[in-house]
Structure formats: structure tokens, C-alpha cells
Amino acid sequence: MPQFKLDPFSSKILEFNNLEPSKLLKDSILWDDFRNGADAAFIQIYEQYFDSLFAYGMRLSKNESLTEDGIQEVFFDLKRLRHKIGPTDNIKFYLLKCLKRKLQRQFSKWEQKRVSIENCQDFDFTISHEQQLIDQQIGMERIGKLNKAILNLSPRKKEIIYYFFYEGFSYAQIQEIMGLDNVKTTRNLMYKALGFLRETLK
């Protein structure tokens, strides 16, 4: 039976069918539905990705209010500009990129100058025992030791490890979201990060 809920970005009441994860629309189809004016698709995107966006924003900003405001601005802009937005086959990547740009702008307002989030010293994340993300890449067996090694990475190396192994982004996507010069530079940064971890874990 369909459920009804309030659109958080207007006063409209929308009919929204709860879907099992296996029934969720493919990103490209869901995104096109949203771009074509389907409010239910917009709500699904919001609910499906809010938690991931919040966790990512907190890693970047360490500020709950700033993160929440950034997420709300991202979705306000999406709804306002939906007919001008291009297609995507990776909604999560698109949203994370938008949120990072929003947070960078907020930081620049606070500091009265351009402050690069990439220079933040606290881009933190940890690997849980359930997340066997890089075992095959660096021969890890003890997750705790890996997390200690990650803490010693530079902010940029932490960030690229996070995007590649935790989010599953391609080198091209990482290049775009981190603002790197090209894919070769991105690969080199990844190799340096993995090399540091290997040395630390010996």
C-alpha cells in the first residue's frame, strides 16, 4: 500500500511507495525521473543518500550544523534547477561532489578567505571488521593495525583511500572530486598512499 509523506522542501504531500533495496531504480533511471519532475524520485534520492552525505560532510567539516545546512542547500538547488541538470549514472558521486563544493564555499565565508577542505587535518574514517576493503591490496589481516596506519596518512592520502576503497569511486571520479590534474596524478597519489600503508604495516 502506498504511503504518504511531507516533501521537506515544500508543503506538498506526496505519495511514496517504500521499495525494497533490490527494487530500487537504477541510478540513471531514478535520476532521469527526478529531472523530469517526479517528486517521488526526488524524495527517494533524499532519503536514500542523506545518511551517506551527512557522514561524508562530517568527515570534511566536523561541524554538524554546517553539514546539515550544506545538504539542505544541495537539495534545494537540485529541486530548483532539476530541468537544467544533466544525466548521471552515479547519484552518490554527484551528490558528494556537490556537497563538498558547498562546504568549501561555507568555509570561505567563515574565514573571509578561500579555505581548502583538502587541507583539513581531520578527514577521518575507519575500516570495520565487516568492511574487507583493502585486504587484497595490501595483505592486511588486522583491521585495528590498518586503522592506526590510516591515522598517520596525510589528509590528501586519507581522502583518496576513502574515495577509492570506501566509496568505490573510479580514478576519473576521484580526480574530479579532489580537483587533481589528471588520472595519472590520481594514480600516483594512490600508489604513494598504499606504499605508505605497506611500509607502516611491515
N, C-alpha and C. Protein backbone atom coordinates (compact mmCIF):
# COMPACT_ATOMS: atom_id res chain seq x y z
N MET A 1 0.85 -1.19 0.00
CA MET A 1 0.00 0.00 0.00
C MET A 1 0.88 1.24 0.00
N PRO A 2 0.58 2.24 -0.83
CA PRO A 2 1.41 3.43 -0.86
C PRO A 2 1.35 4.19 0.45
N GLN A 3 2.45 4.87 0.79
CA GLN A 3 2.50 5.72 1.96
C GLN A 3 2.55 7.16 1.52
N PHE A 4 2.16 8.06 2.43
CA PHE A 4 2.16 9.47 2.11
C PHE A 4 3.09 10.17 3.08
N LYS A 5 3.87 11.14 2.54
CA LYS A 5 4.77 11.86 3.41
C LYS A 5 4.93 13.29 2.92
N LEU A 6 5.38 14.15 3.82
CA LEU A 6 5.56 15.56 3.51
C LEU A 6 6.87 15.76 2.78
N ASP A 7 6.81 16.46 1.66
CA ASP A 7 8.02 16.86 0.95
C ASP A 7 8.74 17.87 1.83
N PRO A 8 9.99 17.58 2.27
CA PRO A 8 10.68 18.51 3.18
C PRO A 8 11.05 19.82 2.52
N PHE A 9 10.89 19.94 1.21
CA PHE A 9 11.27 21.16 0.52
C PHE A 9 10.06 21.93 -0.01
N SER A 10 8.88 21.53 0.39
CA SER A 10 7.66 22.27 0.05
C SER A 10 6.58 21.83 1.02
N SER A 11 5.40 22.35 0.83
CA SER A 11 4.28 21.98 1.70
C SER A 11 3.43 20.88 1.09
N LYS A 12 3.91 20.27 0.02
CA LYS A 12 3.11 19.26 -0.68
C LYS A 12 3.18 17.91 0.05
N ILE A 13 2.08 17.20 -0.02
CA ILE A 13 2.04 15.83 0.47
C ILE A 13 2.20 14.91 -0.73
N LEU A 14 3.19 14.02 -0.64
CA LEU A 14 3.49 13.17 -1.78
C LEU A 14 3.17 11.71 -1.48
N GLU A 15 2.74 11.01 -2.51
CA GLU A 15 2.56 9.57 -2.40
C GLU A 15 3.90 8.92 -2.70
N PHE A 16 4.35 8.06 -1.81
CA PHE A 16 5.68 7.47 -1.98
C PHE A 16 5.63 6.01 -1.60
N ASN A 17 5.95 5.12 -2.53
CA ASN A 17 5.95 3.70 -2.26
C ASN A 17 7.29 3.27 -1.71
N ASN A 18 7.28 2.68 -0.53
CA ASN A 18 8.53 2.15 0.02
C ASN A 18 8.99 0.98 -0.82
N LEU A 19 10.24 1.02 -1.26
CA LEU A 19 10.78 -0.03 -2.10
C LEU A 19 11.85 -0.80 -1.35
N GLU A 20 11.87 -2.08 -1.55
CA GLU A 20 12.96 -2.88 -1.02
C GLU A 20 14.23 -2.49 -1.75
N PRO A 21 15.42 -2.63 -1.09
CA PRO A 21 16.67 -2.26 -1.76
C PRO A 21 16.84 -2.90 -3.12
N SER A 22 16.40 -4.17 -3.24
CA SER A 22 16.57 -4.86 -4.51
C SER A 22 15.68 -4.29 -5.61
N LYS A 23 14.66 -3.51 -5.20
CA LYS A 23 13.73 -2.96 -6.18
C LYS A 23 14.01 -1.50 -6.50
N LEU A 24 15.01 -0.93 -5.84
CA LEU A 24 15.32 0.46 -6.10
C LEU A 24 15.72 0.65 -7.55
N LEU A 25 15.29 1.74 -8.11
CA LEU A 25 15.59 2.00 -9.50
C LEU A 25 17.08 2.20 -9.70
N LYS A 26 17.55 1.84 -10.87
CA LYS A 26 18.93 2.12 -11.21
C LYS A 26 19.15 3.63 -11.17
N ASP A 27 20.39 4.03 -10.84
CA ASP A 27 20.68 5.45 -10.67
C ASP A 27 20.26 6.28 -11.88
N SER A 28 20.61 5.82 -13.07
CA SER A 28 20.33 6.62 -14.26
C SER A 28 18.83 6.81 -14.46
N ILE A 29 18.05 5.76 -14.19
CA ILE A 29 16.59 5.85 -14.36
C ILE A 29 15.98 6.73 -13.28
N LEU A 30 16.41 6.52 -12.04
CA LEU A 30 15.90 7.32 -10.92
C LEU A 30 16.22 8.79 -11.14
N TRP A 31 17.44 9.07 -11.58
CA TRP A 31 17.87 10.45 -11.79
C TRP A 31 17.06 11.10 -12.92
N ASP A 32 16.83 10.34 -13.98
CA ASP A 32 16.04 10.89 -15.09
C ASP A 32 14.60 11.16 -14.65
N ASP A 33 14.05 10.27 -13.82
CA ASP A 33 12.70 10.51 -13.31
C ASP A 33 12.66 11.81 -12.51
N PHE A 34 13.68 12.02 -11.68
CA PHE A 34 13.76 13.25 -10.89
C PHE A 34 13.88 14.47 -11.80
N ARG A 35 14.76 14.39 -12.81
CA ARG A 35 14.95 15.52 -13.72
C ARG A 35 13.69 15.85 -14.51
N ASN A 36 12.87 14.84 -14.73
CA ASN A 36 11.63 15.03 -15.48
C ASN A 36 10.45 15.46 -14.61
N GLY A 37 10.73 15.72 -13.33
CA GLY A 37 9.71 16.30 -12.47
C GLY A 37 9.03 15.37 -11.50
N ALA A 38 9.50 14.12 -11.36
CA ALA A 38 8.87 13.17 -10.44
C ALA A 38 9.28 13.48 -9.00
N ASP A 39 8.34 14.00 -8.21
CA ASP A 39 8.65 14.33 -6.82
C ASP A 39 8.99 13.10 -6.00
N ALA A 40 8.36 11.97 -6.30
CA ALA A 40 8.66 10.75 -5.55
C ALA A 40 10.12 10.33 -5.76
N ALA A 41 10.64 10.54 -6.95
CA ALA A 41 12.05 10.23 -7.22
C ALA A 41 12.96 11.14 -6.42
N PHE A 42 12.58 12.42 -6.32
CA PHE A 42 13.36 13.37 -5.52
C PHE A 42 13.41 12.95 -4.06
N ILE A 43 12.26 12.56 -3.52
CA ILE A 43 12.20 12.12 -2.12
C ILE A 43 13.02 10.85 -1.92
N GLN A 44 12.95 9.94 -2.87
CA GLN A 44 13.72 8.70 -2.75
C GLN A 44 15.22 8.99 -2.73
N ILE A 45 15.66 9.89 -3.59
CA ILE A 45 17.08 10.26 -3.62
C ILE A 45 17.49 10.87 -2.28
N TYR A 46 16.66 11.76 -1.77
CA TYR A 46 16.95 12.41 -0.49
C TYR A 46 17.08 11.38 0.63
N GLU A 47 16.09 10.51 0.73
CA GLU A 47 16.10 9.53 1.82
C GLU A 47 17.19 8.48 1.64
N GLN A 48 17.47 8.11 0.41
CA GLN A 48 18.45 7.07 0.15
C GLN A 48 19.87 7.53 0.43
N TYR A 49 20.15 8.82 0.22
CA TYR A 49 21.54 9.29 0.30
C TYR A 49 21.82 10.26 1.44
N PHE A 50 20.82 10.63 2.21
CA PHE A 50 21.05 11.62 3.27
C PHE A 50 22.11 11.14 4.26
N ASP A 51 21.99 9.91 4.74
CA ASP A 51 22.93 9.43 5.74
C ASP A 51 24.37 9.41 5.22
N SER A 52 24.54 8.98 3.98
CA SER A 52 25.88 8.97 3.39
C SER A 52 26.43 10.38 3.26
N LEU A 53 25.58 11.31 2.84
CA LEU A 53 26.01 12.69 2.71
C LEU A 53 26.38 13.29 4.06
N PHE A 54 25.59 12.98 5.08
CA PHE A 54 25.87 13.52 6.41
C PHE A 54 27.21 12.99 6.94
N ALA A 55 27.43 11.69 6.79
CA ALA A 55 28.69 11.11 7.26
C ALA A 55 29.87 11.71 6.51
N TYR A 56 29.73 11.89 5.22
CA TYR A 56 30.80 12.48 4.41
C TYR A 56 31.05 13.93 4.81
N GLY A 57 29.96 14.69 4.96
CA GLY A 57 30.10 16.09 5.35
C GLY A 57 30.77 16.25 6.71
N MET A 58 30.46 15.37 7.64
CA MET A 58 31.08 15.44 8.96
C MET A 58 32.58 15.11 8.89
N ARG A 59 32.95 14.23 7.99
CA ARG A 59 34.37 13.94 7.82
C ARG A 59 35.12 15.16 7.32
N LEU A 60 34.44 15.93 6.49
CA LEU A 60 35.08 17.12 5.92
C LEU A 60 35.07 18.31 6.87
N SER A 61 33.93 18.56 7.50
CA SER A 61 33.76 19.81 8.23
C SER A 61 33.87 19.68 9.75
N LYS A 62 33.57 18.50 10.27
CA LYS A 62 33.50 18.29 11.72
C LYS A 62 32.51 19.24 12.38
N ASN A 63 31.50 19.68 11.62
CA ASN A 63 30.52 20.62 12.13
C ASN A 63 29.14 20.17 11.69
N GLU A 64 28.32 19.77 12.66
CA GLU A 64 27.00 19.20 12.34
C GLU A 64 26.08 20.20 11.66
N SER A 65 26.03 21.42 12.19
CA SER A 65 25.14 22.43 11.61
C SER A 65 25.57 22.79 10.20
N LEU A 66 26.87 22.95 10.00
CA LEU A 66 27.38 23.29 8.68
C LEU A 66 27.08 22.18 7.69
N THR A 67 27.23 20.94 8.13
CA THR A 67 26.96 19.80 7.26
C THR A 67 25.48 19.73 6.88
N GLU A 68 24.61 19.86 7.87
CA GLU A 68 23.17 19.80 7.60
C GLU A 68 22.74 20.94 6.67
N ASP A 69 23.27 22.14 6.91
CA ASP A 69 22.93 23.27 6.04
C ASP A 69 23.41 23.02 4.61
N GLY A 70 24.61 22.44 4.49
CA GLY A 70 25.14 22.15 3.17
C GLY A 70 24.28 21.15 2.42
N ILE A 71 23.83 20.11 3.12
CA ILE A 71 22.98 19.10 2.49
C ILE A 71 21.66 19.71 2.04
N GLN A 72 21.06 20.53 2.90
CA GLN A 72 19.79 21.17 2.54
C GLN A 72 19.97 22.06 1.32
N GLU A 73 21.08 22.79 1.25
CA GLU A 73 21.32 23.66 0.10
C GLU A 73 21.49 22.84 -1.17
N VAL A 74 22.17 21.70 -1.07
CA VAL A 74 22.34 20.83 -2.23
C VAL A 74 20.98 20.42 -2.78
N PHE A 75 20.08 20.00 -1.91
CA PHE A 75 18.79 19.51 -2.37
C PHE A 75 17.86 20.64 -2.81
N PHE A 76 17.97 21.81 -2.18
CA PHE A 76 17.21 22.95 -2.67
C PHE A 76 17.63 23.30 -4.09
N ASP A 77 18.95 23.32 -4.32
CA ASP A 77 19.46 23.63 -5.65
C ASP A 77 19.02 22.57 -6.67
N LEU A 78 19.06 21.32 -6.26
CA LEU A 78 18.66 20.25 -7.17
C LEU A 78 17.21 20.42 -7.61
N LYS A 79 16.36 20.70 -6.65
CA LYS A 79 14.94 20.83 -6.99
C LYS A 79 14.69 22.07 -7.84
N ARG A 80 15.39 23.14 -7.53
CA ARG A 80 15.20 24.39 -8.26
C ARG A 80 15.73 24.30 -9.69
N LEU A 81 16.80 23.55 -9.87
CA LEU A 81 17.47 23.50 -11.17
C LEU A 81 17.31 22.15 -11.87
N ARG A 82 16.36 21.36 -11.45
CA ARG A 82 16.27 19.99 -11.94
C ARG A 82 16.20 19.88 -13.46
N HIS A 83 15.58 20.84 -14.11
CA HIS A 83 15.42 20.77 -15.56
C HIS A 83 16.68 21.17 -16.31
N LYS A 84 17.65 21.74 -15.59
CA LYS A 84 18.91 22.14 -16.21
C LYS A 84 20.04 21.17 -15.90
N ILE A 85 19.79 20.21 -15.02
CA ILE A 85 20.82 19.27 -14.59
C ILE A 85 20.99 18.16 -15.62
N GLY A 86 22.22 17.78 -15.86
CA GLY A 86 22.49 16.72 -16.82
C GLY A 86 22.28 15.34 -16.24
N PRO A 87 22.40 14.29 -17.05
CA PRO A 87 22.22 12.92 -16.58
C PRO A 87 23.41 12.45 -15.76
N THR A 88 23.22 11.41 -14.99
CA THR A 88 24.32 10.76 -14.26
C THR A 88 23.97 9.30 -14.04
N ASP A 89 24.98 8.46 -13.98
CA ASP A 89 24.75 7.05 -13.64
C ASP A 89 25.29 6.72 -12.26
N ASN A 90 25.69 7.77 -11.52
CA ASN A 90 26.19 7.59 -10.15
C ASN A 90 25.71 8.76 -9.31
N ILE A 91 24.53 8.61 -8.73
CA ILE A 91 23.93 9.70 -7.97
C ILE A 91 24.77 10.06 -6.75
N LYS A 92 25.28 9.06 -6.07
CA LYS A 92 26.05 9.32 -4.85
C LYS A 92 27.27 10.18 -5.15
N PHE A 93 27.99 9.84 -6.21
CA PHE A 93 29.16 10.63 -6.58
C PHE A 93 28.76 12.07 -6.88
N TYR A 94 27.69 12.25 -7.62
CA TYR A 94 27.22 13.59 -7.97
C TYR A 94 26.89 14.39 -6.70
N LEU A 95 26.20 13.77 -5.76
CA LEU A 95 25.80 14.47 -4.54
C LEU A 95 26.99 14.80 -3.65
N LEU A 96 27.92 13.86 -3.52
CA LEU A 96 29.11 14.13 -2.70
C LEU A 96 29.91 15.28 -3.28
N LYS A 97 30.03 15.31 -4.58
CA LYS A 97 30.77 16.39 -5.24
C LYS A 97 30.09 17.74 -4.97
N CYS A 98 28.76 17.77 -5.07
CA CYS A 98 28.02 18.99 -4.79
C CYS A 98 28.19 19.44 -3.35
N LEU A 99 28.10 18.49 -2.42
CA LEU A 99 28.21 18.83 -1.00
C LEU A 99 29.61 19.35 -0.68
N LYS A 100 30.62 18.74 -1.24
CA LYS A 100 31.99 19.21 -0.98
C LYS A 100 32.15 20.65 -1.45
N ARG A 101 31.61 20.96 -2.61
CA ARG A 101 31.69 22.33 -3.14
C ARG A 101 30.95 23.30 -2.23
N LYS A 102 29.77 22.89 -1.73
CA LYS A 102 29.02 23.75 -0.81
C LYS A 102 29.81 24.02 0.46
N LEU A 103 30.42 22.98 1.02
CA LEU A 103 31.15 23.13 2.27
C LEU A 103 32.39 24.00 2.07
N GLN A 104 33.05 23.87 0.93
CA GLN A 104 34.19 24.72 0.65
C GLN A 104 33.78 26.19 0.63
N ARG A 105 32.63 26.47 0.03
CA ARG A 105 32.15 27.85 -0.02
C ARG A 105 31.79 28.36 1.37
N GLN A 106 31.19 27.50 2.20
CA GLN A 106 30.85 27.89 3.56
C GLN A 106 32.11 28.19 4.36
N PHE A 107 33.14 27.37 4.20
CA PHE A 107 34.39 27.61 4.90
C PHE A 107 34.98 28.95 4.49
N SER A 108 34.91 29.25 3.21
CA SER A 108 35.49 30.51 2.73
C SER A 108 34.74 31.70 3.29
N LYS A 109 33.42 31.57 3.49
CA LYS A 109 32.65 32.65 4.10
C LYS A 109 33.05 32.84 5.56
N TRP A 110 33.21 31.74 6.27
CA TRP A 110 33.55 31.82 7.68
C TRP A 110 34.91 32.46 7.89
N GLU A 111 35.85 32.10 7.03
CA GLU A 111 37.22 32.53 7.23
C GLU A 111 37.56 33.82 6.48
N GLN A 112 36.60 34.34 5.71
CA GLN A 112 36.82 35.53 4.91
C GLN A 112 37.95 35.34 3.89
N LYS A 113 38.21 34.11 3.55
CA LYS A 113 39.20 33.79 2.52
C LYS A 113 38.94 32.37 2.07
N ARG A 114 39.53 31.99 0.96
CA ARG A 114 39.36 30.64 0.43
C ARG A 114 40.07 29.66 1.33
N VAL A 115 39.34 28.72 1.91
CA VAL A 115 39.93 27.69 2.74
C VAL A 115 39.67 26.36 2.09
N SER A 116 40.70 25.65 1.73
CA SER A 116 40.54 24.38 1.04
C SER A 116 40.26 23.28 2.04
N ILE A 117 39.17 22.57 1.83
CA ILE A 117 38.85 21.46 2.72
C ILE A 117 39.91 20.38 2.62
N GLU A 118 40.61 20.30 1.47
CA GLU A 118 41.65 19.29 1.33
C GLU A 118 42.76 19.48 2.37
N ASN A 119 42.88 20.71 2.92
CA ASN A 119 43.92 20.97 3.90
C ASN A 119 43.47 20.65 5.31
N CYS A 120 42.22 20.25 5.45
CA CYS A 120 41.72 19.85 6.77
C CYS A 120 42.53 18.66 7.29
N GLN A 121 42.93 18.74 8.55
CA GLN A 121 43.79 17.71 9.11
C GLN A 121 43.01 16.53 9.69
N ASP A 122 41.70 16.58 9.58
CA ASP A 122 40.90 15.58 10.27
C ASP A 122 39.93 14.86 9.37
N PHE A 123 40.33 14.54 8.14
CA PHE A 123 39.48 13.72 7.28
C PHE A 123 39.60 12.28 7.78
N ASP A 124 38.75 11.92 8.73
CA ASP A 124 38.90 10.65 9.43
C ASP A 124 37.87 9.63 8.99
N PHE A 125 38.29 8.40 8.92
CA PHE A 125 37.38 7.27 8.74
C PHE A 125 38.13 6.04 9.22
N THR A 126 37.39 5.03 9.56
CA THR A 126 37.99 3.77 10.00
C THR A 126 37.37 2.62 9.24
N ILE A 127 38.11 1.54 9.13
CA ILE A 127 37.64 0.33 8.48
C ILE A 127 37.13 -0.62 9.55
N SER A 128 35.89 -1.08 9.41
CA SER A 128 35.34 -2.02 10.37
C SER A 128 35.71 -3.44 9.97
N HIS A 129 35.48 -4.37 10.87
CA HIS A 129 35.79 -5.78 10.59
C HIS A 129 34.90 -6.32 9.47
N GLU A 130 33.74 -5.69 9.25
CA GLU A 130 32.85 -6.14 8.19
C GLU A 130 33.24 -5.59 6.82
N GLN A 131 34.10 -4.59 6.82
CA GLN A 131 34.45 -3.93 5.57
C GLN A 131 35.83 -4.38 5.12
N GLN A 132 35.87 -5.50 4.42
CA GLN A 132 37.15 -6.01 3.94
C GLN A 132 37.46 -5.32 2.61
N LEU A 133 37.93 -4.08 2.74
CA LEU A 133 38.02 -3.22 1.56
C LEU A 133 39.38 -3.27 0.89
N ILE A 134 40.44 -3.40 1.66
CA ILE A 134 41.74 -3.31 1.02
C ILE A 134 42.66 -4.46 1.43
N ASP A 135 42.09 -5.49 1.99
CA ASP A 135 42.90 -6.63 2.40
C ASP A 135 43.72 -7.18 1.23
N GLN A 136 43.08 -7.37 0.09
CA GLN A 136 43.78 -7.97 -1.04
C GLN A 136 44.82 -7.04 -1.62
N GLN A 137 44.63 -5.74 -1.43
CA GLN A 137 45.56 -4.78 -1.99
C GLN A 137 46.85 -4.70 -1.18
N ILE A 138 46.77 -4.76 0.13
CA ILE A 138 47.97 -4.57 0.94
C ILE A 138 48.23 -5.75 1.89
N GLY A 139 47.52 -6.84 1.72
CA GLY A 139 47.77 -8.03 2.52
C GLY A 139 47.45 -7.87 3.99
N MET A 140 46.42 -7.09 4.34
CA MET A 140 46.10 -6.85 5.75
C MET A 140 45.29 -7.97 6.36
N GLU A 141 45.57 -8.26 7.62
CA GLU A 141 44.77 -9.21 8.37
C GLU A 141 44.17 -8.56 9.60
N ARG A 142 44.85 -7.62 10.15
CA ARG A 142 44.37 -6.99 11.39
C ARG A 142 43.85 -5.59 11.09
N ILE A 143 42.53 -5.45 11.21
CA ILE A 143 41.89 -4.18 10.88
C ILE A 143 42.33 -3.07 11.82
N GLY A 144 42.52 -3.38 13.09
CA GLY A 144 42.94 -2.37 14.05
C GLY A 144 44.27 -1.74 13.67
N LYS A 145 45.20 -2.57 13.23
CA LYS A 145 46.51 -2.06 12.83
C LYS A 145 46.39 -1.19 11.58
N LEU A 146 45.48 -1.58 10.70
CA LEU A 146 45.25 -0.79 9.49
C LEU A 146 44.73 0.59 9.85
N ASN A 147 43.77 0.65 10.77
CA ASN A 147 43.20 1.94 11.13
C ASN A 147 44.24 2.86 11.76
N LYS A 148 45.16 2.31 12.55
CA LYS A 148 46.23 3.13 13.11
C LYS A 148 47.13 3.67 12.01
N ALA A 149 47.37 2.84 10.99
CA ALA A 149 48.20 3.29 9.87
C ALA A 149 47.49 4.40 9.10
N ILE A 150 46.17 4.28 8.92
CA ILE A 150 45.41 5.30 8.20
C ILE A 150 45.49 6.65 8.92
N LEU A 151 45.49 6.62 10.25
CA LEU A 151 45.57 7.86 11.01
C LEU A 151 46.85 8.62 10.72
N ASN A 152 47.90 7.93 10.31
CA ASN A 152 49.18 8.57 10.04
C ASN A 152 49.32 9.07 8.60
N LEU A 153 48.31 8.81 7.79
CA LEU A 153 48.35 9.32 6.42
C LEU A 153 48.13 10.84 6.41
N SER A 154 48.64 11.50 5.38
CA SER A 154 48.34 12.92 5.19
C SER A 154 46.87 13.05 4.82
N PRO A 155 46.28 14.25 5.01
CA PRO A 155 44.86 14.42 4.66
C PRO A 155 44.53 14.02 3.24
N ARG A 156 45.37 14.36 2.28
CA ARG A 156 45.09 14.02 0.89
C ARG A 156 45.13 12.51 0.66
N LYS A 157 46.08 11.84 1.29
CA LYS A 157 46.18 10.38 1.14
C LYS A 157 45.00 9.70 1.83
N LYS A 158 44.58 10.21 2.97
CA LYS A 158 43.38 9.66 3.62
C LYS A 158 42.18 9.78 2.70
N GLU A 159 42.07 10.94 2.08
CA GLU A 159 40.90 11.22 1.26
C GLU A 159 40.84 10.29 0.04
N ILE A 160 41.99 10.08 -0.59
CA ILE A 160 41.97 9.23 -1.78
C ILE A 160 41.72 7.77 -1.43
N ILE A 161 42.25 7.32 -0.30
CA ILE A 161 41.97 5.95 0.16
C ILE A 161 40.47 5.80 0.44
N TYR A 162 39.90 6.81 1.05
CA TYR A 162 38.47 6.78 1.37
C TYR A 162 37.63 6.67 0.10
N TYR A 163 37.91 7.51 -0.88
CA TYR A 163 37.11 7.52 -2.10
C TYR A 163 37.24 6.20 -2.86
N PHE A 164 38.47 5.69 -2.94
CA PHE A 164 38.70 4.51 -3.78
C PHE A 164 38.15 3.24 -3.14
N PHE A 165 38.45 3.04 -1.86
CA PHE A 165 38.09 1.77 -1.23
C PHE A 165 36.75 1.83 -0.50
N TYR A 166 36.43 2.96 0.09
CA TYR A 166 35.20 3.06 0.89
C TYR A 166 33.99 3.39 0.00
N GLU A 167 34.17 4.33 -0.94
CA GLU A 167 33.07 4.74 -1.81
C GLU A 167 33.09 4.01 -3.15
N GLY A 168 34.22 3.39 -3.51
CA GLY A 168 34.30 2.65 -4.76
C GLY A 168 34.35 3.53 -6.00
N PHE A 169 34.86 4.77 -5.85
CA PHE A 169 34.94 5.67 -7.00
C PHE A 169 36.08 5.27 -7.92
N SER A 170 35.92 5.58 -9.20
CA SER A 170 36.96 5.33 -10.19
C SER A 170 38.04 6.40 -10.06
N TYR A 171 39.19 6.16 -10.72
CA TYR A 171 40.24 7.17 -10.70
C TYR A 171 39.76 8.48 -11.33
N ALA A 172 38.97 8.38 -12.39
CA ALA A 172 38.45 9.59 -13.05
C ALA A 172 37.54 10.38 -12.10
N GLN A 173 36.69 9.67 -11.35
CA GLN A 173 35.80 10.34 -10.41
C GLN A 173 36.60 10.97 -9.27
N ILE A 174 37.62 10.26 -8.78
CA ILE A 174 38.46 10.80 -7.71
C ILE A 174 39.19 12.04 -8.19
N GLN A 175 39.70 11.99 -9.41
CA GLN A 175 40.36 13.16 -9.98
C GLN A 175 39.42 14.37 -9.96
N GLU A 176 38.17 14.14 -10.34
CA GLU A 176 37.20 15.23 -10.41
C GLU A 176 36.85 15.77 -9.03
N ILE A 177 36.57 14.90 -8.08
CA ILE A 177 36.10 15.37 -6.77
C ILE A 177 37.23 15.97 -5.95
N MET A 178 38.49 15.54 -6.22
CA MET A 178 39.63 16.08 -5.48
C MET A 178 40.30 17.23 -6.23
N GLY A 179 39.89 17.47 -7.46
CA GLY A 179 40.47 18.56 -8.22
C GLY A 179 41.90 18.31 -8.64
N LEU A 180 42.26 17.06 -8.89
CA LEU A 180 43.61 16.72 -9.31
C LEU A 180 43.79 16.98 -10.80
N ASP A 181 45.04 17.07 -11.23
CA ASP A 181 45.32 17.49 -12.61
C ASP A 181 44.84 16.48 -13.64
N ASN A 182 45.09 15.20 -13.40
CA ASN A 182 44.73 14.18 -14.37
C ASN A 182 44.69 12.82 -13.69
N VAL A 183 44.30 11.80 -14.43
CA VAL A 183 44.18 10.45 -13.86
C VAL A 183 45.54 9.92 -13.43
N LYS A 184 46.59 10.25 -14.18
CA LYS A 184 47.93 9.78 -13.81
C LYS A 184 48.34 10.32 -12.45
N THR A 185 48.07 11.58 -12.21
CA THR A 185 48.36 12.17 -10.90
C THR A 185 47.57 11.48 -9.81
N THR A 186 46.33 11.15 -10.12
CA THR A 186 45.47 10.45 -9.15
C THR A 186 46.03 9.07 -8.82
N ARG A 187 46.44 8.34 -9.84
CA ARG A 187 47.03 7.02 -9.61
C ARG A 187 48.31 7.13 -8.79
N ASN A 188 49.12 8.11 -9.09
CA ASN A 188 50.38 8.28 -8.36
C ASN A 188 50.12 8.55 -6.88
N LEU A 189 49.11 9.38 -6.60
CA LEU A 189 48.77 9.66 -5.21
C LEU A 189 48.28 8.40 -4.51
N MET A 190 47.49 7.59 -5.21
CA MET A 190 47.03 6.33 -4.64
C MET A 190 48.20 5.39 -4.35
N TYR A 191 49.13 5.27 -5.29
CA TYR A 191 50.29 4.40 -5.08
C TYR A 191 51.12 4.86 -3.89
N LYS A 192 51.26 6.17 -3.73
CA LYS A 192 52.01 6.70 -2.59
C LYS A 192 51.30 6.39 -1.27
N ALA A 193 49.98 6.52 -1.29
CA ALA A 193 49.21 6.22 -0.07
C ALA A 193 49.32 4.74 0.30
N LEU A 194 49.17 3.86 -0.70
CA LEU A 194 49.29 2.42 -0.45
C LEU A 194 50.72 2.06 -0.03
N GLY A 195 51.69 2.72 -0.65
CA GLY A 195 53.09 2.46 -0.29
C GLY A 195 53.36 2.83 1.15
N PHE A 196 52.81 3.96 1.60
CA PHE A 196 52.97 4.37 2.99
C PHE A 196 52.35 3.35 3.93
N LEU A 197 51.15 2.87 3.57
CA LEU A 197 50.49 1.88 4.42
C LEU A 197 51.29 0.59 4.48
N ARG A 198 51.80 0.16 3.37
CA ARG A 198 52.61 -1.08 3.34
C ARG A 198 53.82 -0.95 4.26
N GLU A 199 54.50 0.17 4.16
CA GLU A 199 55.69 0.37 4.99
C GLU A 199 55.34 0.43 6.46
N THR A 200 54.24 1.09 6.76
CA THR A 200 53.80 1.23 8.16
C THR A 200 53.40 -0.12 8.74
N LEU A 201 52.85 -1.00 7.89
CA LEU A 201 52.30 -2.26 8.38
C LEU A 201 53.31 -3.40 8.36
N LYS A 202 54.53 -3.13 7.93
CA LYS A 202 55.54 -4.19 7.92
C LYS A 202 55.90 -4.62 9.34
